[in-house]
N, C-alpha and C. Protein backbone atom coordinates (compact mmCIF):
# COMPACT_ATOMS: atom_id res chain seq x y z
N UNK A 1 -14.38 11.89 -7.56
CA UNK A 1 -13.10 11.32 -6.54
C UNK A 1 -11.98 10.61 -7.37
N UNK A 2 -10.67 10.29 -7.23
CA UNK A 2 -9.41 10.29 -7.32
C UNK A 2 -9.40 8.96 -6.85
N UNK A 3 -8.50 7.66 -7.16
CA UNK A 3 -8.23 6.31 -7.34
C UNK A 3 -8.08 6.50 -5.49
N UNK A 4 -8.60 5.68 -4.90
CA UNK A 4 -8.35 5.34 -3.65
C UNK A 4 -7.40 4.45 -3.42
N UNK A 5 -6.71 4.76 -2.15
CA UNK A 5 -5.48 3.93 -2.21
C UNK A 5 -5.50 4.13 -0.30
N UNK A 6 -5.78 2.49 0.23
CA UNK A 6 -5.41 2.64 1.62
C UNK A 6 -3.68 1.94 2.22
N UNK A 7 -3.48 2.73 3.08
CA UNK A 7 -2.02 2.57 3.77
C UNK A 7 -2.38 1.56 4.91
N UNK A 8 -1.31 0.31 5.01
CA UNK A 8 -1.55 -0.05 6.64
C UNK A 8 0.33 -0.20 6.63
N UNK A 9 0.55 0.45 7.68
CA UNK A 9 1.59 1.16 7.63
C UNK A 9 1.29 1.44 9.43
N UNK A 10 2.41 1.07 10.59
CA UNK A 10 2.09 1.49 11.81
C UNK A 10 3.23 2.96 12.58
N UNK A 11 4.00 3.30 10.63
CA UNK A 11 4.97 4.58 11.52
C UNK A 11 4.14 5.77 11.33
N UNK A 12 3.68 6.36 11.80
CA UNK A 12 3.12 7.53 11.89
C UNK A 12 3.78 8.24 10.97
N UNK A 13 4.89 9.10 11.15
CA UNK A 13 5.44 9.49 10.02
C UNK A 13 5.60 9.19 8.57
N UNK A 14 5.17 7.79 8.26
CA UNK A 14 5.78 7.36 7.25
C UNK A 14 4.39 7.63 6.57
N UNK A 15 2.90 7.11 7.21
CA UNK A 15 1.62 7.65 7.14
C UNK A 15 1.70 8.54 6.57
N UNK A 16 2.15 9.83 7.13
CA UNK A 16 2.15 11.25 7.20
C UNK A 16 2.86 11.56 5.65
N UNK A 17 3.95 11.03 5.33
CA UNK A 17 4.79 11.35 3.97
C UNK A 17 3.80 10.69 2.47
N UNK A 18 3.79 9.62 2.69
CA UNK A 18 3.04 8.87 1.72
C UNK A 18 1.51 9.76 1.37
N UNK A 19 1.03 9.66 2.71
CA UNK A 19 -0.39 10.10 2.58
C UNK A 19 -0.23 11.48 1.48
N UNK A 20 0.51 12.36 2.15
CA UNK A 20 0.87 13.93 1.41
C UNK A 20 1.65 13.55 0.00
N UNK A 21 2.37 12.72 -0.74
CA UNK A 21 2.61 12.79 -1.74
C UNK A 21 1.22 11.86 -2.61
N UNK A 22 0.97 11.23 -2.62
CA UNK A 22 -0.67 10.47 -2.94
C UNK A 22 -1.19 11.52 -3.23
N UNK A 23 -2.03 12.37 -2.25
CA UNK A 23 -2.95 13.16 -2.30
C UNK A 23 -2.24 14.48 -2.86
N UNK A 24 -0.78 14.82 -3.24
CA UNK A 24 -0.57 16.12 -3.96
C UNK A 24 -0.87 15.50 -5.19
N UNK A 25 -0.91 14.03 -6.04
CA UNK A 25 -0.65 13.86 -6.99
C UNK A 25 -2.49 13.58 -7.37
N UNK A 26 -3.43 13.49 -6.28
CA UNK A 26 -4.81 13.19 -6.90
C UNK A 26 -5.16 11.86 -6.39
N UNK A 27 -4.45 11.25 -5.31
CA UNK A 27 -5.13 10.45 -5.14
C UNK A 27 -5.86 10.29 -3.76
N UNK A 28 -6.85 9.85 -3.25
CA UNK A 28 -8.13 9.91 -1.92
C UNK A 28 -7.41 8.75 -1.64
N UNK A 29 -6.40 8.99 0.05
CA UNK A 29 -5.73 8.28 0.77
C UNK A 29 -6.45 8.18 1.99
N UNK A 30 -6.65 6.90 2.33
CA UNK A 30 -7.29 6.34 3.81
C UNK A 30 -6.00 5.87 4.61
N UNK A 31 -5.64 5.80 5.94
CA UNK A 31 -5.15 4.80 6.34
C UNK A 31 -4.72 4.09 7.92
N UNK A 32 -4.42 2.77 7.66
CA UNK A 32 -4.54 2.09 9.01
C UNK A 32 -3.47 1.88 9.59
N UNK A 33 -3.04 1.48 10.64
CA UNK A 33 -2.12 1.84 12.23
C UNK A 33 -1.70 0.32 12.07
N UNK A 34 -2.59 -0.83 11.95
CA UNK A 34 -2.22 -2.22 11.91
C UNK A 34 -2.93 -2.76 11.41
N UNK A 35 -3.10 -4.12 10.96
CA UNK A 35 -3.25 -5.17 10.10
C UNK A 35 -5.00 -5.56 10.23
N UNK A 36 -4.66 -6.05 11.42
CA UNK A 36 -6.24 -6.44 11.64
C UNK A 36 -7.13 -4.44 11.59
N UNK A 37 -7.60 -3.87 12.05
CA UNK A 37 -7.85 -2.42 11.37
C UNK A 37 -7.97 -2.85 10.07
N UNK A 38 -6.53 -2.87 8.95
CA UNK A 38 -6.77 -3.02 7.84
C UNK A 38 -7.03 -3.94 7.21
N UNK A 39 -7.23 -4.82 7.49
CA UNK A 39 -8.20 -5.56 6.69
C UNK A 39 -9.68 -5.91 7.19
N UNK A 40 -9.83 -4.96 8.17
CA UNK A 40 -11.26 -5.30 8.29
C UNK A 40 -11.61 -3.76 7.71
N UNK A 41 -10.65 -2.80 7.22
CA UNK A 41 -11.22 -1.53 6.10
C UNK A 41 -11.49 -1.87 4.99
N UNK A 42 -10.74 -3.10 4.47
CA UNK A 42 -10.92 -3.34 3.17
C UNK A 42 -12.24 -4.28 3.21
N UNK A 43 -12.52 -4.89 3.99
CA UNK A 43 -13.67 -5.67 4.00
C UNK A 43 -15.11 -4.60 3.85
N UNK A 44 -15.05 -3.54 4.55
CA UNK A 44 -15.99 -2.78 4.20
C UNK A 44 -15.67 -1.90 2.94
N UNK A 45 -14.04 -1.43 2.79
CA UNK A 45 -14.45 -0.04 1.81
C UNK A 45 -13.10 -0.40 1.21
N UNK A 46 -13.30 -1.28 0.06
CA UNK A 46 -11.82 -1.99 -0.23
C UNK A 46 -11.77 -0.77 -1.51
N UNK A 47 -9.96 -0.67 -1.79
CA UNK A 47 -9.68 0.34 -2.11
C UNK A 47 -9.40 0.04 -3.62
N UNK A 48 -8.54 1.02 -4.17
CA UNK A 48 -8.02 0.40 -5.44
C UNK A 48 -6.91 0.31 -5.50
N UNK A 49 -6.17 0.27 -4.53
CA UNK A 49 -4.65 0.02 -4.48
C UNK A 49 -4.37 0.06 -2.69
N UNK A 50 -4.14 -1.09 -2.27
CA UNK A 50 -3.24 -1.14 -1.05
C UNK A 50 -1.85 -0.88 -0.88
N UNK A 51 -1.18 0.09 -0.09
CA UNK A 51 0.00 -0.26 0.16
C UNK A 51 0.42 -0.87 1.63
N UNK A 52 1.24 -1.89 1.98
CA UNK A 52 1.04 -2.47 2.88
C UNK A 52 1.95 -2.56 3.57
N UNK A 53 2.74 -2.31 4.99
CA UNK A 53 3.75 -2.97 5.54
C UNK A 53 3.66 -4.31 5.64
N UNK A 54 4.89 -5.07 6.04
CA UNK A 54 4.96 -6.15 6.35
C UNK A 54 5.13 -6.50 8.31
N UNK A 55 6.14 -5.33 8.81
CA UNK A 55 5.87 -5.76 10.18
C UNK A 55 4.70 -4.53 10.54
N UNK A 56 3.31 -5.13 10.94
CA UNK A 56 2.25 -4.20 11.42
C UNK A 56 2.28 -5.15 12.67
N UNK A 57 1.78 -4.56 13.87
CA UNK A 57 0.86 -4.97 14.86
C UNK A 57 -0.38 -5.32 14.66
N UNK A 58 -0.62 -6.92 15.59
CA UNK A 58 -2.08 -7.10 15.48
C UNK A 58 -2.10 -8.34 14.53
N UNK A 59 -1.32 -7.99 13.52
CA UNK A 59 -1.70 -8.83 12.36
C UNK A 59 -0.48 -8.31 11.04
N UNK A 60 -0.06 -9.38 11.07
CA UNK A 60 1.64 -8.73 10.34
C UNK A 60 0.85 -8.65 8.43
N UNK A 61 1.34 -8.32 7.83
CA UNK A 61 1.35 -8.03 6.68
C UNK A 61 1.38 -9.42 6.04
N UNK A 62 2.49 -10.13 6.03
CA UNK A 62 2.05 -11.39 5.52
C UNK A 62 0.92 -12.00 5.52
N UNK A 63 0.49 -11.53 6.81
CA UNK A 63 -1.07 -12.22 7.26
C UNK A 63 -2.18 -12.12 6.35
N UNK A 64 -2.36 -10.45 6.19
CA UNK A 64 -2.67 -9.63 5.47
C UNK A 64 -2.84 -9.96 4.14
N UNK A 65 -1.78 -10.28 3.81
CA UNK A 65 -2.06 -10.41 2.00
C UNK A 65 -2.36 -11.95 2.01
N UNK A 66 -2.19 -12.65 2.67
CA UNK A 66 -2.23 -14.01 2.91
C UNK A 66 -4.34 -14.08 2.72
N UNK A 67 -4.72 -13.29 3.24
CA UNK A 67 -5.97 -13.05 3.71
C UNK A 67 -6.32 -12.20 2.59
N UNK A 68 -6.33 -11.22 1.97
CA UNK A 68 -6.69 -10.58 0.40
C UNK A 68 -6.57 -11.72 -0.35
N UNK A 69 -5.60 -11.98 -0.60
CA UNK A 69 -5.02 -13.56 -2.02
C UNK A 69 -6.22 -14.41 -1.81
N UNK A 70 -6.46 -14.88 -0.38
CA UNK A 70 -7.22 -15.85 -0.39
C UNK A 70 -8.71 -15.77 -1.07
N UNK A 71 -9.23 -14.46 -0.37
CA UNK A 71 -10.73 -14.06 -0.66
C UNK A 71 -11.10 -13.48 -2.05
N UNK A 72 -12.01 -14.59 -2.34
CA UNK A 72 -12.51 -13.86 -3.71
C UNK A 72 -12.96 -12.39 -4.28
N UNK A 73 -13.60 -12.34 -3.01
CA UNK A 73 -14.02 -10.66 -2.86
C UNK A 73 -13.31 -9.45 -2.94
N UNK A 74 -12.16 -10.11 -2.81
CA UNK A 74 -10.44 -8.84 -2.02
C UNK A 74 -9.18 -9.36 -3.31
N UNK A 75 -8.91 -10.08 -3.77
CA UNK A 75 -7.89 -11.18 -4.37
C UNK A 75 -7.76 -9.98 -5.74
N UNK A 76 -8.85 -9.15 -6.06
CA UNK A 76 -8.00 -8.63 -7.18
C UNK A 76 -7.58 -6.83 -6.95
N UNK A 77 -7.39 -6.78 -5.36
CA UNK A 77 -7.09 -5.61 -5.54
C UNK A 77 -5.91 -5.82 -5.59
N UNK A 78 -4.99 -4.88 -6.01
CA UNK A 78 -3.93 -4.91 -5.86
C UNK A 78 -2.86 -4.35 -5.00
N UNK A 79 -1.81 -4.77 -4.59
CA UNK A 79 -1.35 -4.56 -2.86
C UNK A 79 0.47 -4.60 -3.58
N UNK A 80 0.65 -3.01 -2.88
CA UNK A 80 2.07 -3.10 -3.26
C UNK A 80 2.27 -3.48 -1.58
N UNK A 81 3.66 -3.74 -1.36
CA UNK A 81 4.47 -3.61 -0.42
C UNK A 81 5.38 -3.17 -0.07
N UNK A 82 5.43 -2.63 0.92
CA UNK A 82 6.82 -1.32 1.24
C UNK A 82 6.80 -1.60 2.74
N UNK A 83 8.19 -1.83 2.63
CA UNK A 83 8.48 -2.89 3.91
C UNK A 83 10.35 -2.25 3.89
N UNK A 84 10.65 -2.48 5.52
CA UNK A 84 12.14 -2.37 5.79
C UNK A 84 12.67 -3.76 5.46
N UNK A 85 12.04 -4.88 5.31
CA UNK A 85 12.65 -6.10 5.02
C UNK A 85 12.74 -6.84 3.91
N UNK A 86 14.07 -6.25 3.24
CA UNK A 86 13.60 -6.41 1.70
C UNK A 86 14.80 -7.31 1.52
N UNK A 87 15.21 -8.56 2.49
CA UNK A 87 15.73 -9.47 2.26
C UNK A 87 14.65 -10.97 1.63
N UNK A 88 15.94 -11.43 0.61
CA UNK A 88 15.42 -12.18 -0.98
C UNK A 88 13.67 -12.99 -0.37
N UNK A 89 14.12 -13.78 0.64
CA UNK A 89 12.85 -14.40 1.65
C UNK A 89 11.86 -13.63 1.39
N UNK A 90 11.75 -12.59 2.59
CA UNK A 90 10.72 -11.71 2.41
C UNK A 90 9.88 -11.49 1.05
N UNK A 91 10.48 -11.13 -0.10
CA UNK A 91 10.67 -10.90 -0.93
C UNK A 91 9.82 -11.87 -1.70
N UNK A 92 10.31 -13.36 -1.70
CA UNK A 92 9.66 -14.39 -2.54
C UNK A 92 8.60 -14.89 -1.43
N UNK A 93 8.35 -14.52 -0.47
CA UNK A 93 7.04 -15.27 0.24
C UNK A 93 6.04 -14.03 -0.43
N UNK A 94 6.24 -12.98 -0.12
CA UNK A 94 4.99 -12.08 -0.82
C UNK A 94 4.72 -12.40 -2.02
N UNK A 95 6.14 -12.57 -2.87
CA UNK A 95 5.27 -13.36 -4.35
C UNK A 95 4.59 -13.89 -4.47
N UNK A 96 5.05 -15.26 -3.73
CA UNK A 96 4.48 -16.73 -3.53
C UNK A 96 3.05 -16.07 -2.96
N UNK A 97 2.67 -15.30 -2.13
CA UNK A 97 1.58 -15.05 -1.73
C UNK A 97 0.49 -14.42 -2.73
N UNK A 98 1.01 -13.59 -3.32
CA UNK A 98 0.73 -13.01 -4.41
C UNK A 98 0.70 -11.74 -4.55
N UNK A 99 1.80 -10.64 -3.88
CA UNK A 99 1.93 -9.37 -4.58
C UNK A 99 2.15 -9.19 -5.43
N UNK A 100 1.58 -7.61 -5.84
CA UNK A 100 1.73 -6.98 -7.06
C UNK A 100 2.75 -6.05 -7.52
N UNK A 101 3.14 -5.71 -6.46
CA UNK A 101 4.56 -5.13 -6.48
C UNK A 101 5.26 -5.18 -4.78
N UNK A 102 6.44 -4.93 -4.97
CA UNK A 102 7.26 -5.00 -3.71
C UNK A 102 8.71 -4.05 -3.85
N UNK A 103 8.22 -3.18 -2.52
CA UNK A 103 9.47 -1.84 -2.99
C UNK A 103 9.63 -2.14 -1.52
N UNK A 104 11.47 -1.33 -1.46
CA UNK A 104 11.82 -1.40 0.05
C UNK A 104 11.91 0.24 0.60
N UNK A 105 11.91 0.12 1.81
CA UNK A 105 12.60 1.16 2.52
C UNK A 105 13.84 2.04 2.69
N UNK A 106 14.39 2.61 2.93
CA UNK A 106 13.43 3.81 1.93
C UNK A 106 13.42 3.85 0.65
N UNK A 107 12.60 4.59 -0.06
CA UNK A 107 11.93 4.73 -1.04
C UNK A 107 11.60 5.96 -2.12
N UNK A 108 11.47 5.69 -3.20
CA UNK A 108 11.42 6.81 -3.90
C UNK A 108 9.77 7.57 -4.31
N UNK A 109 10.00 8.55 -3.85
CA UNK A 109 8.52 9.06 -4.05
C UNK A 109 7.82 8.60 -5.10
N UNK A 110 8.97 9.45 -6.11
CA UNK A 110 7.89 9.22 -7.70
C UNK A 110 7.56 7.84 -8.11
N UNK A 111 8.78 6.99 -7.20
CA UNK A 111 8.26 5.48 -7.84
C UNK A 111 7.41 5.07 -7.33
N UNK A 112 7.01 5.20 -6.18
CA UNK A 112 6.13 4.82 -5.32
C UNK A 112 4.68 5.40 -5.84
N UNK A 113 4.80 6.46 -6.56
CA UNK A 113 3.35 7.10 -7.21
C UNK A 113 3.22 6.54 -8.28
N UNK A 114 4.49 6.46 -9.40
CA UNK A 114 4.29 5.62 -10.28
C UNK A 114 3.73 4.30 -10.41
N UNK A 115 3.99 3.51 -9.16
CA UNK A 115 3.47 2.33 -9.49
C UNK A 115 2.39 2.06 -9.01
N UNK A 116 1.85 2.97 -7.56
CA UNK A 116 0.09 2.81 -7.64
C UNK A 116 -0.51 3.17 -8.62
N UNK A 117 -0.32 4.28 -9.77
CA UNK A 117 -0.56 4.91 -10.85
C UNK A 117 -0.53 3.66 -12.11
N UNK A 118 0.38 2.77 -12.44
CA UNK A 118 0.50 1.72 -13.03
C UNK A 118 -0.90 0.54 -12.35
N UNK A 119 -0.96 0.10 -11.24
CA UNK A 119 -1.56 -0.52 -10.28
C UNK A 119 -3.08 -0.58 -10.44
N UNK A 120 -3.29 0.90 -10.34
CA UNK A 120 -4.97 1.40 -10.34
C UNK A 120 -4.96 1.19 -12.07
N UNK A 121 -4.68 1.63 -12.70
CA UNK A 121 -5.14 1.04 -14.32
C UNK A 121 -5.16 -0.44 -14.25
N UNK A 122 -4.49 -1.08 -13.67
CA UNK A 122 -5.10 -2.98 -14.20
C UNK A 122 -6.57 -2.95 -14.43
């Protein structure tokens, strides 16, 4: 079984694209379409790396990140924020909350795969 990646993203075509690219590279990928479901899955089936959109329904990405990094059982999971919200204050807030990597959309598939691979080795 490959490195397990959880994608929290509400755009189905982005989920499909990310899943294809990561699966092709040997990752075991699951996805949730809203923040609440993603956090619930994290608690029962923690991945090796999480890819997190900031603009999610039911629980936004900042809140998911805050919950992950404040939970002793989850805080070691590396989180990559992948978002269209690329403003400096969004990046700063994510960094203050403990994000491991921050990438903006549109993104390079190769850069994303390399980032996930690097975080999975930590």
